[in-house]
Amino acid sequence: MGWLQRLFGAQKPQQNQAQAQPQANVAAAAQGGNAATAAQGGQESIPPERVGLNGEYDQSGLAKRVALAFDQDPGIDDIDTVYVAQTGGTVVLKGKAPNQEIVQKMTSVARGVSGATNVDTSQVTVG
């Protein structure tokens, strides 16, 4: 099934749409804006952790992009006992993982996703 489908009921975006971000809006957000109107052009800015799979505003955008990154990494199988959530820019992994190595691999991949500032694995048990 895959992470994205199992956790969010979403299909993988076509081609590289997941990498598409409203560049000016995300840049403005990274410089201190939130969902407020950006100074340039009156466009609304989207915080990096709220950018969805297709560049739209999505409350769970970071978690969805992490799930997609897990799907795209051949070293990470869909583990149906692990879940991905987010609190702001922190990726939160929850559930039960088969071993510590996979938790470390998931942490590494999650840290590489744009908008992720931290990865919390305190809610993951191993065994």
Protein backbone atom coordinates (compact mmCIF):
# COMPACT_ATOMS: atom_id res chain seq x y z
CA MET A 1 0.00 0.00 0.00
CA GLY A 2 2.64 2.57 0.96
CA TRP A 3 3.03 5.17 3.68
CA LEU A 4 1.18 8.01 1.99
CA GLN A 5 -1.81 5.88 1.04
CA ARG A 6 -2.04 4.13 4.42
CA LEU A 7 -1.66 7.23 6.59
CA PHE A 8 -3.42 9.90 4.57
CA GLY A 9 -5.42 8.07 1.90
CA ALA A 10 -3.51 10.11 -0.67
CA GLN A 11 -1.96 9.05 -3.94
CA LYS A 12 1.58 9.97 -4.89
CA PRO A 13 1.67 13.19 -6.90
CA GLN A 14 2.59 12.82 -10.54
CA GLN A 15 6.26 13.35 -11.42
CA ASN A 16 7.96 15.85 -9.12
CA GLN A 17 4.93 17.81 -7.96
CA ALA A 18 5.87 16.94 -4.38
CA GLN A 19 8.96 19.08 -4.82
CA ALA A 20 6.89 21.97 -6.16
CA GLN A 21 6.57 24.68 -3.58
CA PRO A 22 5.31 28.21 -4.00
CA GLN A 23 8.90 29.50 -3.95
CA ALA A 24 8.28 33.15 -3.11
CA ASN A 25 5.65 32.26 -0.54
CA VAL A 26 7.78 29.66 1.23
CA ALA A 27 10.78 31.98 1.17
CA ALA A 28 8.73 34.76 2.71
CA ALA A 29 7.46 32.37 5.37
CA ALA A 30 10.97 31.19 6.15
CA GLN A 31 11.96 34.81 6.75
CA GLY A 32 9.42 35.24 9.50
CA GLY A 33 6.00 35.29 7.83
CA ASN A 34 3.27 32.83 8.74
CA ALA A 35 0.01 32.58 6.92
CA ALA A 36 -0.03 36.35 6.78
CA THR A 37 0.14 38.34 3.60
CA ALA A 38 3.68 38.56 2.22
CA ALA A 39 5.12 41.97 1.54
CA GLN A 40 5.82 41.07 -2.07
CA GLY A 41 2.85 41.12 -4.37
CA GLY A 42 0.29 40.68 -1.61
CA GLN A 43 0.51 36.89 -1.90
CA GLU A 44 -0.14 34.78 1.14
CA SER A 45 2.90 32.97 2.46
CA ILE A 46 2.86 29.35 3.55
CA PRO A 47 5.11 28.20 6.39
CA PRO A 48 7.47 25.46 5.13
CA GLU A 49 5.91 22.84 7.42
CA ARG A 50 2.45 23.55 5.97
CA VAL A 51 3.33 23.15 2.28
CA GLY A 52 1.34 20.25 0.82
CA LEU A 53 2.30 17.68 -1.77
CA ASN A 54 1.42 19.99 -4.64
CA GLY A 55 2.61 23.29 -3.13
CA GLU A 56 -0.75 24.16 -1.59
CA TYR A 57 -1.43 24.99 2.08
CA ASP A 58 -1.93 21.76 4.02
CA GLN A 59 -2.13 21.53 7.82
CA SER A 60 -0.37 18.12 7.60
CA GLY A 61 1.90 19.05 4.70
CA LEU A 62 5.19 18.13 6.37
CA ALA A 63 3.90 14.75 7.60
CA LYS A 64 2.59 13.95 4.11
CA ARG A 65 5.88 14.91 2.48
CA VAL A 66 7.76 12.73 5.00
CA ALA A 67 5.41 9.81 4.21
CA LEU A 68 6.12 10.37 0.51
CA ALA A 69 9.88 10.43 1.21
CA PHE A 70 9.53 7.10 3.06
CA ASP A 71 7.67 5.68 0.04
CA GLN A 72 10.46 6.85 -2.27
CA ASP A 73 13.28 5.38 -0.18
CA PRO A 74 13.92 1.73 -1.11
CA GLY A 75 15.46 1.12 2.34
CA ILE A 76 12.20 1.89 4.14
CA ASP A 77 9.30 -0.52 3.79
CA ASP A 78 5.82 0.49 4.87
CA ILE A 79 5.66 -0.54 8.52
CA ASP A 80 1.98 -0.65 9.40
CA THR A 81 2.71 -0.15 13.09
CA VAL A 82 4.53 3.19 12.66
CA TYR A 83 2.74 6.48 12.05
CA VAL A 84 3.93 9.92 10.98
CA ALA A 85 2.56 13.13 12.46
CA GLN A 86 3.84 16.64 12.93
CA THR A 87 3.87 19.37 15.53
CA GLY A 88 4.91 22.53 13.72
CA GLY A 89 8.24 21.74 12.07
CA THR A 90 8.83 18.65 14.22
CA VAL A 91 8.17 15.29 12.59
CA VAL A 92 6.70 12.91 15.16
CA LEU A 93 7.10 9.17 14.65
CA LYS A 94 4.77 6.98 16.71
CA GLY A 95 4.14 3.28 17.15
CA LYS A 96 6.25 0.13 17.08
CA ALA A 97 9.25 -0.41 14.81
CA PRO A 98 10.92 -3.78 14.18
CA ASN A 99 14.44 -2.55 15.05
CA GLN A 100 16.52 0.50 15.94
CA GLU A 101 18.22 0.59 12.54
CA ILE A 102 14.95 1.30 10.74
CA VAL A 103 14.13 4.04 13.27
CA GLN A 104 17.51 5.65 12.56
CA LYS A 105 16.94 5.38 8.79
CA MET A 106 13.47 6.92 9.10
CA THR A 107 14.88 9.72 11.26
CA SER A 108 17.57 10.46 8.69
CA VAL A 109 15.09 10.56 5.80
CA ALA A 110 12.60 12.71 7.77
CA ARG A 111 15.33 15.23 8.67
CA GLY A 112 16.05 15.65 4.96
CA VAL A 113 12.52 16.80 4.13
CA SER A 114 12.15 20.54 3.59
CA GLY A 115 10.48 22.20 6.58
CA ALA A 116 11.54 19.55 9.11
CA THR A 117 13.33 21.18 12.02
CA ASN A 118 13.44 18.15 14.32
CA VAL A 119 12.39 14.49 14.50
CA ASP A 120 10.78 13.14 17.68
CA THR A 121 11.06 9.36 18.10
CA SER A 122 10.16 9.29 21.80
CA GLN A 123 6.82 7.65 20.96
CA VAL A 124 8.39 4.77 19.02
CA THR A 125 9.01 1.44 20.73
CA VAL A 126 11.38 -1.10 19.24
CA GLY A 127 10.80 -4.81 19.23
